[in-house]
């Protein structure tokens, strides 16, 4: 009887071991099959994001609205509807914008959750003093508070794709849409950050009041300029001296992280300047990904800067991280339009963006004039 019980027990244990081994083998087969199986459209890194898949596959390709996150498309009316771009696509747009939009790459970009953004900036007044251990403390000056409200507007793009392209599973509609939106946004906002008038768009830094007064006496919100020494050009002798004056007009704390901003035509004229010993004042980049330098500071080419002409403000120098603020809503909205231009499908993208000078002491300009 004991032998029979032991034999039965051994059979049960052996069966459990066989079942466990079979389970492990099945799990390994499933894992191998998952590795060999191609990733479905809408899947990145093996993780399935239902919101992103619904947006790309159902809404962008087919126009189905079920499962897509609805957002208010108009700040003035709630009747029109739009769809928020998934965060992953929005990050692709932002990264592309930063790489091709010159001012965005060096300015202070603030992401907001509402249409308005305000910033308090102090000016004037020394708010500290020295005294002995038991000495009386005199009243210190009180700084003035100035509110910065960057003018904003709705920046939009309207790229189109044929329905056949959208139906093609090999067509990466997600990357195409992100690149098209970023390219059109970059062209529009680049011009606004430089020359925007502040009406339903950002206020460009070249549209502010300019004066040759120093920081200590200049009115808040106005930018200081340094004259080039000649009308519609650089001085005939030692033209690089005025560039040095432009650099030194910026206070030392702001020179850390400062950049030159100009277009390619202006940079072409500066690249030909030499010192007395024949050395070029412009130095090319010594490593990939690093900008060229002028007097030791990086040069940012912005084609929206004006060409050299009489009284033009063709060169800017400053710490734009401290001097210029860009405020933008955190989401891009998309409205799919398959009806207006058949057989093409338009994707109407909107994002609210504002911009303004936040610190007028951090940006200096060169005015091409004798004085």
Protein backbone atom coordinates (compact mmCIF):
# COMPACT_ATOMS: atom_id res chain seq x y z
CA UNK A 1 0.00 0.00 0.00
CA UNK A 2 2.87 2.42 0.83
CA UNK A 3 4.55 1.73 -2.48
CA UNK A 4 1.35 2.46 -4.35
CA UNK A 5 0.85 5.77 -2.52
CA UNK A 6 4.45 6.84 -3.22
CA UNK A 7 4.04 5.93 -6.88
CA UNK A 8 0.84 7.97 -7.11
CA UNK A 9 2.50 10.96 -5.42
CA UNK A 10 5.48 10.78 -7.80
CA UNK A 11 3.11 10.72 -10.77
CA UNK A 12 1.27 13.82 -9.55
CA UNK A 13 4.53 15.73 -8.98
CA UNK A 14 5.86 14.65 -12.37
CA UNK A 15 2.64 15.81 -14.03
CA UNK A 16 2.85 19.22 -12.39
CA UNK A 17 6.44 19.58 -13.56
CA UNK A 18 5.47 18.69 -17.11
CA UNK A 19 2.61 21.22 -17.07
CA UNK A 20 4.96 23.95 -15.74
CA UNK A 21 7.53 23.18 -18.43
CA UNK A 22 4.85 23.28 -21.10
CA UNK A 23 3.71 26.68 -19.81
CA UNK A 24 7.27 28.03 -19.91
CA UNK A 25 7.75 26.71 -23.46
CA UNK A 26 4.49 28.37 -24.58
CA UNK A 27 5.55 31.66 -23.03
CA UNK A 28 8.92 31.51 -24.80
CA UNK A 29 7.22 30.74 -28.12
CA UNK A 30 4.89 33.70 -27.64
CA UNK A 31 7.79 36.01 -26.87
CA UNK A 32 9.72 34.86 -29.95
CA UNK A 33 6.64 35.24 -32.12
CA UNK A 34 6.09 38.76 -30.79
CA UNK A 35 9.69 39.69 -31.64
CA UNK A 36 9.40 38.34 -35.17
CA UNK A 37 6.00 39.90 -35.85
CA UNK A 38 6.26 43.38 -37.49
CA UNK A 39 5.01 46.30 -35.40
CA UNK A 40 1.55 47.51 -36.23
CA UNK A 41 1.04 51.06 -37.50
CA UNK A 42 0.59 53.31 -34.50
CA UNK A 43 2.88 51.27 -32.26
CA UNK A 44 6.23 52.66 -31.11
CA UNK A 45 8.73 50.72 -29.04
CA UNK A 46 6.37 47.76 -28.62
CA UNK A 47 3.93 49.79 -26.48
CA UNK A 48 0.42 50.29 -27.77
CA UNK A 49 -0.98 53.77 -27.22
CA UNK A 50 -4.73 53.67 -27.92
CA UNK A 51 -5.09 57.48 -28.08
CA UNK A 52 -2.28 57.82 -30.59
CA UNK A 53 -3.49 54.89 -32.66
CA UNK A 54 -7.02 56.30 -32.71
CA UNK A 55 -5.70 59.68 -33.81
CA UNK A 56 -3.41 58.41 -36.58
CA UNK A 57 -5.31 55.42 -37.92
CA UNK A 58 -8.90 56.43 -37.36
CA UNK A 59 -8.91 60.22 -37.53
CA UNK A 60 -6.03 61.19 -39.85
CA UNK A 61 -6.39 58.30 -42.27
CA UNK A 62 -10.13 57.65 -42.22
CA UNK A 63 -11.77 60.64 -40.57
CA UNK A 64 -13.47 58.57 -37.85
CA UNK A 65 -13.93 60.67 -34.72
CA UNK A 66 -14.67 57.90 -32.22
CA UNK A 67 -11.94 57.57 -29.62
CA UNK A 68 -10.28 60.90 -30.49
CA UNK A 69 -9.88 63.51 -27.75
CA UNK A 70 -12.06 66.54 -28.53
CA UNK A 71 -10.88 70.03 -27.60
CA UNK A 72 -12.30 73.49 -28.01
CA UNK A 73 -11.03 74.75 -31.35
CA UNK A 74 -11.97 78.42 -30.96
CA UNK A 75 -11.34 80.68 -28.02
CA UNK A 76 -14.30 82.88 -29.00
CA UNK A 77 -16.88 80.18 -29.69
CA UNK A 78 -17.35 76.67 -28.42
CA UNK A 79 -19.39 75.59 -31.42
CA UNK A 80 -16.45 74.60 -33.62
CA UNK A 81 -14.53 71.49 -32.65
CA UNK A 82 -10.92 70.45 -33.11
CA UNK A 83 -8.77 67.55 -31.99
CA UNK A 84 -5.72 67.75 -29.79
CA UNK A 85 -2.58 66.28 -31.30
CA UNK A 86 -1.16 63.46 -29.11
CA UNK A 87 1.78 64.56 -27.00
CA UNK A 88 4.27 62.44 -28.95
CA UNK A 89 3.41 64.15 -32.25
CA UNK A 90 3.35 67.56 -30.57
CA UNK A 91 6.86 66.95 -29.25
CA UNK A 92 8.06 66.09 -32.76
CA UNK A 93 6.62 69.39 -34.01
CA UNK A 94 8.28 71.34 -31.19
CA UNK A 95 11.65 69.64 -31.71
CA UNK A 96 11.56 70.36 -35.44
CA UNK A 97 10.53 73.96 -34.82
CA UNK A 98 13.43 74.48 -32.46
CA UNK A 99 15.90 73.13 -35.03
CA UNK A 100 14.72 75.32 -37.94
CA UNK A 101 13.30 78.44 -36.25
CA UNK A 102 16.33 80.59 -35.29
CA UNK A 103 14.75 82.91 -32.71
CA UNK A 104 12.86 80.08 -30.95
CA UNK A 105 16.16 78.23 -30.54
CA UNK A 106 17.69 81.05 -28.45
CA UNK A 107 14.64 82.67 -26.80
CA UNK A 108 12.82 81.75 -23.60
CA UNK A 109 9.88 79.51 -24.55
CA UNK A 110 7.10 79.26 -21.94
CA UNK A 111 4.38 76.62 -22.26
CA UNK A 112 1.04 77.78 -20.86
CA UNK A 113 -2.31 76.12 -20.31
CA UNK A 114 -4.37 79.22 -21.05
CA UNK A 115 -4.53 81.84 -23.77
CA UNK A 116 -2.92 84.60 -21.67
CA UNK A 117 0.54 84.88 -20.14
CA UNK A 118 1.83 87.67 -17.93
CA UNK A 119 5.21 88.34 -16.37
CA UNK A 120 6.28 90.95 -13.82
CA UNK A 121 9.65 92.62 -14.40
CA UNK A 122 11.26 95.07 -11.95
CA UNK A 123 13.21 98.10 -13.09
CA UNK A 124 15.13 100.84 -11.23
CA UNK A 125 15.86 101.24 -7.55
CA UNK A 126 18.55 99.70 -5.34
CA UNK A 127 16.79 97.51 -2.82
CA UNK A 128 19.75 96.80 -0.53
CA UNK A 129 22.37 98.68 1.49
CA UNK A 130 25.22 98.36 3.98
CA UNK A 131 25.22 99.20 7.69
CA UNK A 132 27.21 98.47 10.84
CA UNK A 133 26.00 95.89 13.31
CA UNK A 134 24.12 98.45 15.40
CA UNK A 135 23.81 101.23 12.84
CA UNK A 136 20.54 102.68 11.62
CA UNK A 137 19.04 101.32 8.41
CA UNK A 138 18.02 103.99 5.93
CA UNK A 139 15.10 103.41 3.63
CA UNK A 140 16.13 101.90 0.32
CA UNK A 141 14.68 102.74 -3.08
CA UNK A 142 11.65 100.80 -4.27
CA UNK A 143 11.83 99.16 -7.69
CA UNK A 144 9.09 99.71 -10.25
CA UNK A 145 7.07 96.72 -11.37
CA UNK A 146 6.29 96.39 -15.07
CA UNK A 147 3.89 93.82 -16.46
CA UNK A 148 4.89 92.06 -19.66
CA UNK A 149 1.94 90.70 -21.65
CA UNK A 150 3.20 89.14 -24.89
CA UNK A 151 0.76 89.84 -27.76
CA UNK A 152 -0.45 86.59 -29.26
CA UNK A 153 -2.43 85.19 -32.13
CA UNK A 154 -3.39 81.90 -33.68
CA UNK A 155 -0.66 80.51 -35.91
CA UNK A 156 -2.07 78.08 -38.43
CA UNK A 157 -0.95 75.71 -41.16
CA UNK A 158 -3.05 73.91 -43.75
CA UNK A 159 -1.08 71.06 -45.37
CA UNK A 160 -2.85 68.66 -47.73
CA UNK A 161 -2.43 65.01 -48.62
CA UNK A 162 -4.25 62.92 -51.21
CA UNK A 163 -6.63 60.26 -49.97
CA UNK A 164 -4.57 57.66 -51.81
CA UNK A 165 -1.51 58.63 -49.76
CA UNK A 166 -3.49 58.33 -46.55
CA UNK A 167 -4.85 54.92 -47.57
CA UNK A 168 -1.34 53.63 -48.24
CA UNK A 169 -0.20 51.78 -45.12
CA UNK A 170 3.45 52.44 -46.02
CA UNK A 171 2.91 56.21 -45.91
CA UNK A 172 3.98 57.59 -42.50
CA UNK A 173 1.19 60.13 -42.08
CA UNK A 174 2.33 60.98 -38.56
CA UNK A 175 5.86 62.10 -39.51
CA UNK A 176 4.63 63.83 -42.66
CA UNK A 177 2.05 65.86 -40.75
CA UNK A 178 4.53 66.85 -38.02
CA UNK A 179 7.13 68.01 -40.56
CA UNK A 180 4.62 69.96 -42.66
CA UNK A 181 3.17 71.77 -39.64
CA UNK A 182 6.63 72.54 -38.22
CA UNK A 183 7.90 73.87 -41.56
CA UNK A 184 4.98 76.23 -42.06
CA UNK A 185 4.95 77.32 -38.40
CA UNK A 186 8.69 78.07 -38.52
CA UNK A 187 8.38 80.37 -41.54
CA UNK A 188 5.49 82.33 -40.02
CA UNK A 189 6.76 82.66 -36.47
CA UNK A 190 10.32 83.49 -37.54
CA UNK A 191 9.06 86.64 -39.26
CA UNK A 192 6.76 87.55 -36.35
CA UNK A 193 9.45 87.26 -33.66
CA UNK A 194 11.59 89.75 -35.59
CA UNK A 195 9.13 92.14 -37.26
CA UNK A 196 5.67 91.27 -35.87
CA UNK A 197 3.49 94.30 -35.10
CA UNK A 198 1.75 92.71 -32.09
CA UNK A 199 -1.71 92.69 -33.69
CA UNK A 200 -2.99 89.11 -33.56
CA UNK A 201 0.64 87.98 -33.63
CA UNK A 202 3.80 88.29 -31.49
CA UNK A 203 5.56 91.66 -31.24
CA UNK A 204 8.97 91.46 -32.90
CA UNK A 205 12.00 92.88 -31.11
CA UNK A 206 12.81 95.21 -34.04
CA UNK A 207 9.45 96.99 -33.70
CA UNK A 208 10.17 98.44 -30.25
CA UNK A 209 11.23 102.03 -29.71
CA UNK A 210 15.00 102.48 -30.15
CA UNK A 211 17.33 105.08 -28.70
CA UNK A 212 21.07 105.49 -28.14
CA UNK A 213 20.56 106.12 -24.41
CA UNK A 214 22.27 103.82 -21.91
CA UNK A 215 20.48 101.41 -19.60
CA UNK A 216 20.56 103.77 -16.62
CA UNK A 217 18.52 106.51 -18.34
CA UNK A 218 16.60 104.71 -21.08
CA UNK A 219 12.84 104.27 -20.69
CA UNK A 220 11.67 100.76 -19.85
CA UNK A 221 10.73 98.79 -22.94
CA UNK A 222 12.93 100.68 -25.40
CA UNK A 223 16.04 99.13 -26.93
CA UNK A 224 19.46 100.72 -27.16
CA UNK A 225 21.22 100.93 -30.52
CA UNK A 226 24.85 101.52 -31.44
CA UNK A 227 25.51 103.44 -34.67
CA UNK A 228 27.64 101.72 -37.29
CA UNK A 229 29.59 104.92 -38.04
CA UNK A 230 28.39 105.50 -41.60
CA UNK A 231 25.07 105.91 -43.38
CA UNK A 232 23.88 102.65 -44.92
CA UNK A 233 27.05 100.76 -44.09
CA UNK A 234 30.04 100.23 -41.82
CA UNK A 235 32.69 102.86 -41.22
CA UNK A 236 35.39 103.02 -43.88
CA UNK A 237 38.20 102.45 -41.38
CA UNK A 238 38.25 99.86 -38.60
CA UNK A 239 34.61 98.78 -39.07
CA UNK A 240 35.03 96.00 -36.53
CA UNK A 241 35.44 98.59 -33.77
CA UNK A 242 31.70 99.31 -33.84
CA UNK A 243 30.97 95.61 -33.41
CA UNK A 244 33.13 95.67 -30.29
CA UNK A 245 31.18 98.70 -29.07
CA UNK A 246 27.95 96.76 -29.65
CA UNK A 247 29.22 93.83 -27.58
CA UNK A 248 30.42 96.04 -24.73
CA UNK A 249 27.15 97.98 -24.62
CA UNK A 250 25.58 94.81 -23.20
CA UNK A 251 26.21 94.49 -19.48
CA UNK A 252 28.49 91.64 -18.37
CA UNK A 253 25.77 89.42 -16.80
CA UNK A 254 23.92 89.31 -20.11
CA UNK A 255 27.00 88.65 -22.23
CA UNK A 256 27.13 85.13 -20.84
CA UNK A 257 24.94 83.25 -23.30
CA UNK A 258 24.64 86.15 -25.77
CA UNK A 259 24.44 85.71 -29.56
CA UNK A 260 24.63 87.78 -32.72
CA UNK A 261 21.51 87.68 -34.92
CA UNK A 262 21.65 88.81 -38.57
CA UNK A 263 20.78 87.59 -42.05
CA UNK A 264 23.19 85.94 -44.48
CA UNK A 265 23.80 89.11 -46.54
CA UNK A 266 24.93 91.05 -43.46
CA UNK A 267 27.04 88.12 -42.31
CA UNK A 268 28.69 88.01 -45.74
CA UNK A 269 29.90 91.60 -45.28
CA UNK A 270 31.19 90.89 -41.77
CA UNK A 271 33.02 87.71 -42.73
CA UNK A 272 35.32 89.79 -44.95
CA UNK A 273 36.48 92.02 -42.09
CA UNK A 274 40.05 91.52 -40.89
CA UNK A 275 42.20 92.82 -38.08
CA UNK A 276 45.40 94.78 -38.68
CA UNK A 277 47.43 91.56 -38.76
CA UNK A 278 45.17 90.05 -41.44
CA UNK A 279 43.13 87.68 -39.24
CA UNK A 280 39.40 87.36 -39.86
CA UNK A 281 37.21 88.45 -36.96
CA UNK A 282 34.70 85.74 -37.92
CA UNK A 283 35.73 82.21 -36.95
CA UNK A 284 34.17 79.06 -38.42
CA UNK A 285 32.91 76.28 -36.20
CA UNK A 286 35.56 73.78 -35.17
CA UNK A 287 33.13 70.94 -34.44
CA UNK A 288 29.90 69.64 -35.92
CA UNK A 289 26.73 71.08 -34.43
CA UNK A 290 28.44 74.16 -33.02
CA UNK A 291 27.75 77.64 -34.50
CA UNK A 292 30.40 79.89 -36.00
CA UNK A 293 31.56 82.73 -33.77
CA UNK A 294 32.06 86.47 -34.15
CA UNK A 295 34.27 88.12 -31.52
CA UNK A 296 33.86 84.93 -29.51
CA UNK A 297 30.05 84.84 -29.60
CA UNK A 298 27.84 82.51 -31.69
CA UNK A 299 26.16 83.85 -34.82
CA UNK A 300 22.52 82.97 -35.54
CA UNK A 301 21.36 83.51 -39.11
CA UNK A 302 17.77 84.78 -39.30
CA UNK A 303 16.72 85.66 -42.82
CA UNK A 304 13.92 87.88 -41.50
CA UNK A 305 16.50 90.40 -40.26
CA UNK A 306 16.75 93.37 -42.69
CA UNK A 307 19.58 93.88 -45.17
CA UNK A 308 22.06 96.69 -44.56
CA UNK A 309 20.47 99.98 -45.63
CA UNK A 310 20.13 103.54 -44.39
CA UNK A 311 18.95 103.51 -40.73
CA UNK A 312 18.32 99.75 -40.82
CA UNK A 313 18.59 97.67 -37.65
CA UNK A 314 20.38 94.80 -39.32
CA UNK A 315 22.34 93.33 -36.39
CA UNK A 316 21.09 92.31 -32.97
CA UNK A 317 23.29 91.19 -30.11
CA UNK A 318 22.03 89.98 -26.78
CA UNK A 319 20.99 87.26 -24.41
CA UNK A 320 17.65 86.31 -25.95
CA UNK A 321 16.98 83.75 -23.24
CA UNK A 322 16.65 86.68 -20.85
CA UNK A 323 15.50 89.30 -23.34
CA UNK A 324 12.72 87.72 -25.43
CA UNK A 325 9.89 85.47 -24.23
CA UNK A 326 7.72 83.21 -26.39
CA UNK A 327 4.46 81.99 -24.84
CA UNK A 328 2.49 79.18 -26.43
CA UNK A 329 -0.44 76.94 -25.64
CA UNK A 330 0.56 73.40 -24.80
CA UNK A 331 -1.49 71.70 -27.52
CA UNK A 332 -1.76 71.91 -31.28
CA UNK A 333 -5.31 71.43 -32.61
CA UNK A 334 -6.10 69.67 -35.88
CA UNK A 335 -9.25 69.87 -38.00
CA UNK A 336 -9.53 67.32 -40.82
CA UNK A 337 -11.14 68.71 -43.99
CA UNK A 338 -11.78 66.19 -46.80
CA UNK A 339 -14.42 68.32 -48.55
CA UNK A 340 -12.90 71.65 -49.65
CA UNK A 341 -10.38 70.39 -52.21
CA UNK A 342 -11.19 66.86 -53.35
CA UNK A 343 -9.42 64.46 -53.76
CA UNK A 344 -7.07 66.09 -51.25
CA UNK A 345 -7.55 66.04 -47.49
CA UNK A 346 -6.48 69.22 -45.67
CA UNK A 347 -5.29 69.21 -42.07
CA UNK A 348 -5.95 72.63 -40.56
CA UNK A 349 -3.54 72.99 -37.60
CA UNK A 350 -3.78 75.86 -35.09
CA UNK A 351 -1.64 76.86 -32.13
CA UNK A 352 -1.78 80.07 -30.06
CA UNK A 353 1.65 81.72 -29.85
CA UNK A 354 2.73 85.05 -28.37
CA UNK A 355 6.03 86.85 -28.08
CA UNK A 356 7.49 90.06 -26.65
CA UNK A 357 10.67 91.61 -25.29
CA UNK A 358 10.84 90.71 -21.61
CA UNK A 359 14.03 92.56 -20.67
CA UNK A 360 15.05 95.51 -22.85
CA UNK A 361 18.50 95.61 -21.25
CA UNK A 362 19.37 92.15 -22.58
CA UNK A 363 19.13 92.97 -26.32
CA UNK A 364 21.17 95.60 -28.22
CA UNK A 365 20.88 96.64 -31.86
CA UNK A 366 23.21 98.11 -34.47
CA UNK A 367 21.74 100.95 -36.51
CA UNK A 368 23.41 101.65 -39.81
CA UNK A 369 23.78 105.38 -39.49
CA UNK A 370 26.59 107.86 -38.90
CA UNK A 371 25.38 108.73 -35.38
